[in-house]
Amino acid sequence: QVRLLESGGALVQAGGSLRLSCKASGMITSVFNPNNWGWYRQAPGKQRELVASVATPRDTNYADSVQGRFTISRDNSRKMVYLQMNNLKPDDTAVYYCNTLQQALPWGQGAQVTVPG
């Protein structure tokens, strides 16, 4: 059974940095590798949104709200996806999730990121 395990969330002051990690536990490499992966977030009272996606190291996309501050990466050998978040803002406060771009897997518990205003 595949499980998505997000970690690295924390309370951080505005301007600070965090690195989120996501492990696709139970997924074989031949299934992990071809997929495009994304980091999503859901703020209180809002719908879940895609903030970053990665196909290959040179093929990444970002929401306008995080462009230039967030960096997504992947390690196929470890079946991991990462999100480096710099210059965090209060509007970044949300629960962060990873999934394929097709959202094909059951959602994990997410990682809570809190940036006080």
N, C-alpha and C. Protein backbone atom coordinates (compact mmCIF):
# COMPACT_ATOMS: atom_id res chain seq x y z
N GLN A 1 0.85 -1.19 0.00
CA GLN A 1 0.00 0.00 0.00
C GLN A 1 0.88 1.24 0.00
N VAL A 2 0.61 2.16 -0.93
CA VAL A 2 1.41 3.38 -1.02
C VAL A 2 0.88 4.41 -0.03
N ARG A 3 1.81 5.00 0.70
CA ARG A 3 1.46 6.08 1.61
C ARG A 3 2.38 7.26 1.34
N LEU A 4 1.82 8.45 1.39
CA LEU A 4 2.60 9.68 1.25
C LEU A 4 2.87 10.24 2.63
N LEU A 5 4.16 10.42 2.93
CA LEU A 5 4.57 10.84 4.27
C LEU A 5 5.27 12.17 4.17
N GLU A 6 4.58 13.24 4.56
CA GLU A 6 5.15 14.57 4.54
C GLU A 6 5.76 14.89 5.91
N SER A 7 6.85 15.64 5.89
CA SER A 7 7.50 16.04 7.13
C SER A 7 8.23 17.36 6.93
N GLY A 8 8.61 17.97 8.05
CA GLY A 8 9.39 19.20 7.98
C GLY A 8 8.62 20.46 8.31
N GLY A 9 7.32 20.33 8.54
CA GLY A 9 6.54 21.52 8.87
C GLY A 9 6.90 22.06 10.24
N ALA A 10 6.69 23.36 10.42
CA ALA A 10 7.03 23.99 11.69
C ALA A 10 6.43 25.39 11.74
N LEU A 11 6.56 26.01 12.90
CA LEU A 11 6.25 27.43 13.03
C LEU A 11 7.53 28.19 12.79
N VAL A 12 7.50 29.14 11.88
CA VAL A 12 8.70 29.89 11.53
C VAL A 12 8.32 31.35 11.35
N GLN A 13 9.20 32.23 11.74
CA GLN A 13 8.93 33.65 11.62
C GLN A 13 9.00 34.10 10.16
N ALA A 14 8.30 35.15 9.85
CA ALA A 14 8.33 35.70 8.50
C ALA A 14 9.78 35.97 8.08
N GLY A 15 10.09 35.63 6.84
CA GLY A 15 11.44 35.77 6.34
C GLY A 15 12.30 34.54 6.53
N GLY A 16 11.81 33.58 7.29
CA GLY A 16 12.56 32.36 7.55
C GLY A 16 12.43 31.33 6.45
N SER A 17 13.04 30.17 6.67
CA SER A 17 13.08 29.11 5.67
C SER A 17 12.69 27.78 6.29
N LEU A 18 12.15 26.91 5.47
CA LEU A 18 11.85 25.54 5.85
C LEU A 18 12.08 24.64 4.65
N ARG A 19 12.38 23.38 4.92
CA ARG A 19 12.48 22.38 3.87
C ARG A 19 11.50 21.26 4.19
N LEU A 20 10.55 21.05 3.32
CA LEU A 20 9.60 19.96 3.47
C LEU A 20 10.07 18.75 2.69
N SER A 21 9.78 17.58 3.23
CA SER A 21 10.12 16.32 2.58
C SER A 21 8.86 15.47 2.42
N CYS A 22 8.84 14.70 1.38
CA CYS A 22 7.74 13.78 1.14
C CYS A 22 8.30 12.46 0.64
N LYS A 23 7.92 11.41 1.32
CA LYS A 23 8.35 10.07 0.91
C LYS A 23 7.14 9.27 0.41
N ALA A 24 7.31 8.68 -0.76
CA ALA A 24 6.27 7.80 -1.31
C ALA A 24 6.56 6.39 -0.80
N SER A 25 6.08 6.12 0.40
CA SER A 25 6.36 4.84 1.02
C SER A 25 5.56 3.74 0.35
N GLY A 26 6.23 2.64 0.07
CA GLY A 26 5.55 1.50 -0.53
C GLY A 26 5.43 1.57 -2.04
N MET A 27 5.98 2.60 -2.65
CA MET A 27 5.90 2.75 -4.10
C MET A 27 7.19 2.26 -4.72
N ILE A 28 7.08 1.45 -5.76
CA ILE A 28 8.29 0.98 -6.41
C ILE A 28 8.83 2.07 -7.34
N THR A 29 10.13 2.03 -7.56
CA THR A 29 10.80 3.07 -8.32
C THR A 29 10.23 3.20 -9.73
N SER A 30 9.91 2.08 -10.35
CA SER A 30 9.42 2.12 -11.73
C SER A 30 8.06 2.81 -11.84
N VAL A 31 7.38 2.93 -10.73
CA VAL A 31 6.11 3.67 -10.72
C VAL A 31 6.37 5.12 -10.32
N PHE A 32 7.27 5.33 -9.35
CA PHE A 32 7.57 6.69 -8.89
C PHE A 32 8.16 7.55 -10.00
N ASN A 33 9.14 7.01 -10.71
CA ASN A 33 9.95 7.83 -11.62
C ASN A 33 9.17 8.49 -12.74
N PRO A 34 8.26 7.82 -13.41
CA PRO A 34 7.60 8.48 -14.56
C PRO A 34 6.62 9.57 -14.17
N ASN A 35 6.23 9.59 -12.91
CA ASN A 35 5.21 10.55 -12.51
C ASN A 35 5.76 11.95 -12.33
N ASN A 36 4.96 12.93 -12.67
CA ASN A 36 5.23 14.31 -12.29
C ASN A 36 4.64 14.52 -10.91
N TRP A 37 5.40 15.14 -10.04
CA TRP A 37 5.00 15.30 -8.65
C TRP A 37 4.78 16.77 -8.31
N GLY A 38 3.91 16.98 -7.35
CA GLY A 38 3.60 18.34 -6.95
C GLY A 38 3.49 18.50 -5.45
N TRP A 39 3.72 19.70 -5.01
CA TRP A 39 3.41 20.10 -3.64
C TRP A 39 2.15 20.97 -3.69
N TYR A 40 1.24 20.66 -2.83
CA TYR A 40 -0.02 21.38 -2.72
C TYR A 40 -0.11 21.97 -1.32
N ARG A 41 -0.98 22.94 -1.16
CA ARG A 41 -1.23 23.46 0.18
C ARG A 41 -2.68 23.84 0.33
N GLN A 42 -3.14 23.76 1.56
CA GLN A 42 -4.50 24.13 1.88
C GLN A 42 -4.49 25.01 3.12
N ALA A 43 -4.86 26.25 2.92
CA ALA A 43 -4.95 27.19 4.03
C ALA A 43 -6.34 27.10 4.66
N PRO A 44 -6.48 27.50 5.89
CA PRO A 44 -7.79 27.44 6.56
C PRO A 44 -8.87 28.14 5.75
N GLY A 45 -9.96 27.44 5.50
CA GLY A 45 -11.08 28.02 4.79
C GLY A 45 -10.91 28.14 3.29
N LYS A 46 -9.82 27.60 2.77
CA LYS A 46 -9.55 27.71 1.33
C LYS A 46 -9.42 26.33 0.70
N GLN A 47 -9.53 26.29 -0.61
CA GLN A 47 -9.35 25.03 -1.33
C GLN A 47 -7.87 24.70 -1.45
N ARG A 48 -7.60 23.42 -1.60
CA ARG A 48 -6.23 22.99 -1.83
C ARG A 48 -5.76 23.51 -3.18
N GLU A 49 -4.51 23.98 -3.21
CA GLU A 49 -3.95 24.53 -4.44
C GLU A 49 -2.58 23.94 -4.70
N LEU A 50 -2.24 23.86 -5.97
CA LEU A 50 -0.92 23.39 -6.38
C LEU A 50 0.06 24.57 -6.31
N VAL A 51 1.17 24.39 -5.62
CA VAL A 51 2.14 25.49 -5.53
C VAL A 51 3.41 25.22 -6.32
N ALA A 52 3.74 23.96 -6.56
CA ALA A 52 4.96 23.65 -7.31
C ALA A 52 4.86 22.24 -7.87
N SER A 53 5.49 22.04 -9.01
CA SER A 53 5.51 20.72 -9.62
C SER A 53 6.87 20.46 -10.23
N VAL A 54 7.22 19.18 -10.33
CA VAL A 54 8.50 18.79 -10.90
C VAL A 54 8.32 17.56 -11.76
N ALA A 55 8.82 17.66 -12.99
CA ALA A 55 8.89 16.49 -13.86
C ALA A 55 10.32 15.98 -13.83
N THR A 56 11.23 16.85 -14.21
CA THR A 56 12.66 16.58 -14.15
C THR A 56 13.31 17.78 -13.47
N PRO A 57 14.57 17.67 -13.08
CA PRO A 57 15.21 18.83 -12.43
C PRO A 57 15.15 20.12 -13.23
N ARG A 58 15.05 20.00 -14.55
CA ARG A 58 14.99 21.21 -15.37
C ARG A 58 13.58 21.58 -15.77
N ASP A 59 12.64 20.79 -15.36
CA ASP A 59 11.24 21.03 -15.73
C ASP A 59 10.42 21.17 -14.45
N THR A 60 10.39 22.39 -13.96
CA THR A 60 9.63 22.69 -12.75
C THR A 60 8.70 23.87 -13.02
N ASN A 61 7.64 23.93 -12.26
CA ASN A 61 6.68 25.02 -12.39
C ASN A 61 6.23 25.47 -11.01
N TYR A 62 5.91 26.76 -10.91
CA TYR A 62 5.54 27.33 -9.61
C TYR A 62 4.33 28.25 -9.76
N ALA A 63 3.54 28.28 -8.72
CA ALA A 63 2.49 29.28 -8.65
C ALA A 63 3.13 30.66 -8.53
N ASP A 64 2.45 31.65 -9.05
CA ASP A 64 2.99 33.01 -9.01
C ASP A 64 3.30 33.44 -7.58
N SER A 65 2.50 32.99 -6.64
CA SER A 65 2.65 33.43 -5.25
C SER A 65 3.93 32.93 -4.59
N VAL A 66 4.55 31.89 -5.15
CA VAL A 66 5.76 31.34 -4.53
C VAL A 66 6.97 31.40 -5.46
N GLN A 67 6.76 31.83 -6.69
CA GLN A 67 7.85 31.92 -7.66
C GLN A 67 9.01 32.74 -7.08
N GLY A 68 10.20 32.18 -7.19
CA GLY A 68 11.38 32.88 -6.71
C GLY A 68 11.69 32.66 -5.24
N ARG A 69 10.75 32.05 -4.52
CA ARG A 69 10.97 31.80 -3.09
C ARG A 69 11.02 30.30 -2.77
N PHE A 70 10.27 29.51 -3.51
CA PHE A 70 10.20 28.06 -3.28
C PHE A 70 10.96 27.32 -4.39
N THR A 71 11.54 26.19 -4.02
CA THR A 71 12.22 25.33 -4.98
C THR A 71 11.81 23.89 -4.73
N ILE A 72 11.28 23.25 -5.77
CA ILE A 72 10.89 21.85 -5.67
C ILE A 72 11.98 20.98 -6.28
N SER A 73 12.20 19.82 -5.70
CA SER A 73 13.17 18.88 -6.24
C SER A 73 12.72 17.46 -5.93
N ARG A 74 13.40 16.51 -6.54
CA ARG A 74 13.04 15.12 -6.34
C ARG A 74 14.28 14.26 -6.33
N ASP A 75 14.21 13.15 -5.62
CA ASP A 75 15.28 12.17 -5.59
C ASP A 75 14.64 10.83 -5.95
N ASN A 76 14.78 10.44 -7.19
CA ASN A 76 14.10 9.23 -7.65
C ASN A 76 14.61 7.99 -6.93
N SER A 77 15.88 7.95 -6.63
CA SER A 77 16.43 6.75 -6.00
C SER A 77 15.85 6.53 -4.61
N ARG A 78 15.47 7.62 -3.95
CA ARG A 78 14.89 7.52 -2.61
C ARG A 78 13.38 7.68 -2.61
N LYS A 79 12.82 7.94 -3.79
CA LYS A 79 11.37 8.15 -3.90
C LYS A 79 10.93 9.29 -2.98
N MET A 80 11.67 10.39 -3.08
CA MET A 80 11.41 11.55 -2.24
C MET A 80 11.16 12.78 -3.10
N VAL A 81 10.33 13.66 -2.59
CA VAL A 81 10.10 14.97 -3.20
C VAL A 81 10.31 16.01 -2.10
N TYR A 82 10.96 17.11 -2.45
CA TYR A 82 11.30 18.13 -1.47
C TYR A 82 10.74 19.48 -1.89
N LEU A 83 10.54 20.33 -0.91
CA LEU A 83 10.14 21.72 -1.17
C LEU A 83 10.94 22.62 -0.25
N GLN A 84 11.88 23.35 -0.83
CA GLN A 84 12.65 24.34 -0.09
C GLN A 84 11.88 25.65 -0.14
N MET A 85 11.57 26.19 1.02
CA MET A 85 10.78 27.41 1.10
C MET A 85 11.60 28.49 1.79
N ASN A 86 11.84 29.57 1.09
CA ASN A 86 12.61 30.68 1.62
C ASN A 86 11.74 31.93 1.70
N ASN A 87 12.19 32.88 2.50
CA ASN A 87 11.47 34.15 2.64
C ASN A 87 9.97 33.91 2.87
N LEU A 88 9.68 33.09 3.84
CA LEU A 88 8.29 32.72 4.11
C LEU A 88 7.48 33.92 4.58
N LYS A 89 6.22 33.91 4.19
CA LYS A 89 5.29 35.00 4.50
C LYS A 89 4.08 34.43 5.25
N PRO A 90 3.37 35.29 5.97
CA PRO A 90 2.16 34.80 6.66
C PRO A 90 1.17 34.11 5.73
N ASP A 91 1.08 34.56 4.47
CA ASP A 91 0.16 33.94 3.51
C ASP A 91 0.58 32.52 3.13
N ASP A 92 1.77 32.11 3.50
CA ASP A 92 2.21 30.75 3.24
C ASP A 92 1.70 29.77 4.30
N THR A 93 1.07 30.27 5.33
CA THR A 93 0.53 29.41 6.37
C THR A 93 -0.51 28.46 5.79
N ALA A 94 -0.28 27.18 5.95
CA ALA A 94 -1.16 26.16 5.36
C ALA A 94 -0.65 24.77 5.76
N VAL A 95 -1.45 23.77 5.45
CA VAL A 95 -0.98 22.39 5.49
C VAL A 95 -0.50 22.04 4.09
N TYR A 96 0.71 21.53 4.01
CA TYR A 96 1.33 21.21 2.73
C TYR A 96 1.31 19.71 2.50
N TYR A 97 0.94 19.34 1.27
CA TYR A 97 0.82 17.95 0.87
C TYR A 97 1.60 17.71 -0.42
N CYS A 98 2.04 16.48 -0.62
CA CYS A 98 2.59 16.10 -1.91
C CYS A 98 1.66 15.07 -2.54
N ASN A 99 1.73 14.97 -3.86
CA ASN A 99 0.97 13.97 -4.60
C ASN A 99 1.43 14.06 -6.05
N THR A 100 1.01 13.11 -6.86
CA THR A 100 1.27 13.21 -8.27
C THR A 100 0.40 14.35 -8.84
N LEU A 101 0.73 14.79 -10.03
CA LEU A 101 -0.07 15.87 -10.63
C LEU A 101 -1.48 15.39 -10.96
N GLN A 102 -1.65 14.10 -11.09
CA GLN A 102 -2.99 13.54 -11.30
C GLN A 102 -3.72 13.34 -9.98
N GLN A 103 -3.03 13.64 -8.89
CA GLN A 103 -3.60 13.43 -7.55
C GLN A 103 -4.12 12.01 -7.43
N ALA A 104 -3.27 11.07 -7.87
CA ALA A 104 -3.71 9.69 -8.01
C ALA A 104 -3.62 8.89 -6.73
N LEU A 105 -2.96 9.42 -5.73
CA LEU A 105 -2.71 8.67 -4.51
C LEU A 105 -3.52 9.23 -3.35
N PRO A 106 -3.80 8.39 -2.36
CA PRO A 106 -4.48 8.90 -1.16
C PRO A 106 -3.64 9.99 -0.52
N TRP A 107 -4.27 11.06 -0.10
CA TRP A 107 -3.54 12.15 0.52
C TRP A 107 -2.96 11.73 1.87
N GLY A 108 -1.76 12.22 2.13
CA GLY A 108 -1.15 11.99 3.42
C GLY A 108 -1.69 12.96 4.46
N GLN A 109 -1.05 12.96 5.61
CA GLN A 109 -1.49 13.84 6.69
C GLN A 109 -1.05 15.28 6.50
N GLY A 110 -0.05 15.46 5.67
CA GLY A 110 0.43 16.80 5.40
C GLY A 110 1.41 17.30 6.44
N ALA A 111 1.98 18.45 6.14
CA ALA A 111 2.93 19.10 7.04
C ALA A 111 2.43 20.52 7.31
N GLN A 112 2.22 20.83 8.57
CA GLN A 112 1.71 22.14 8.94
C GLN A 112 2.83 23.17 8.93
N VAL A 113 2.63 24.23 8.16
CA VAL A 113 3.55 25.35 8.13
C VAL A 113 2.81 26.58 8.65
N THR A 114 3.36 27.20 9.66
CA THR A 114 2.72 28.37 10.25
C THR A 114 3.71 29.52 10.27
N VAL A 115 3.30 30.63 9.68
CA VAL A 115 4.11 31.83 9.63
C VAL A 115 3.29 32.94 10.27
N PRO A 116 3.57 33.28 11.50
CA PRO A 116 2.75 34.30 12.19
C PRO A 116 2.84 35.65 11.50
N GLY A 117 1.71 36.35 11.51
CA GLY A 117 1.66 37.66 10.90
C GLY A 117 2.17 38.75 11.81
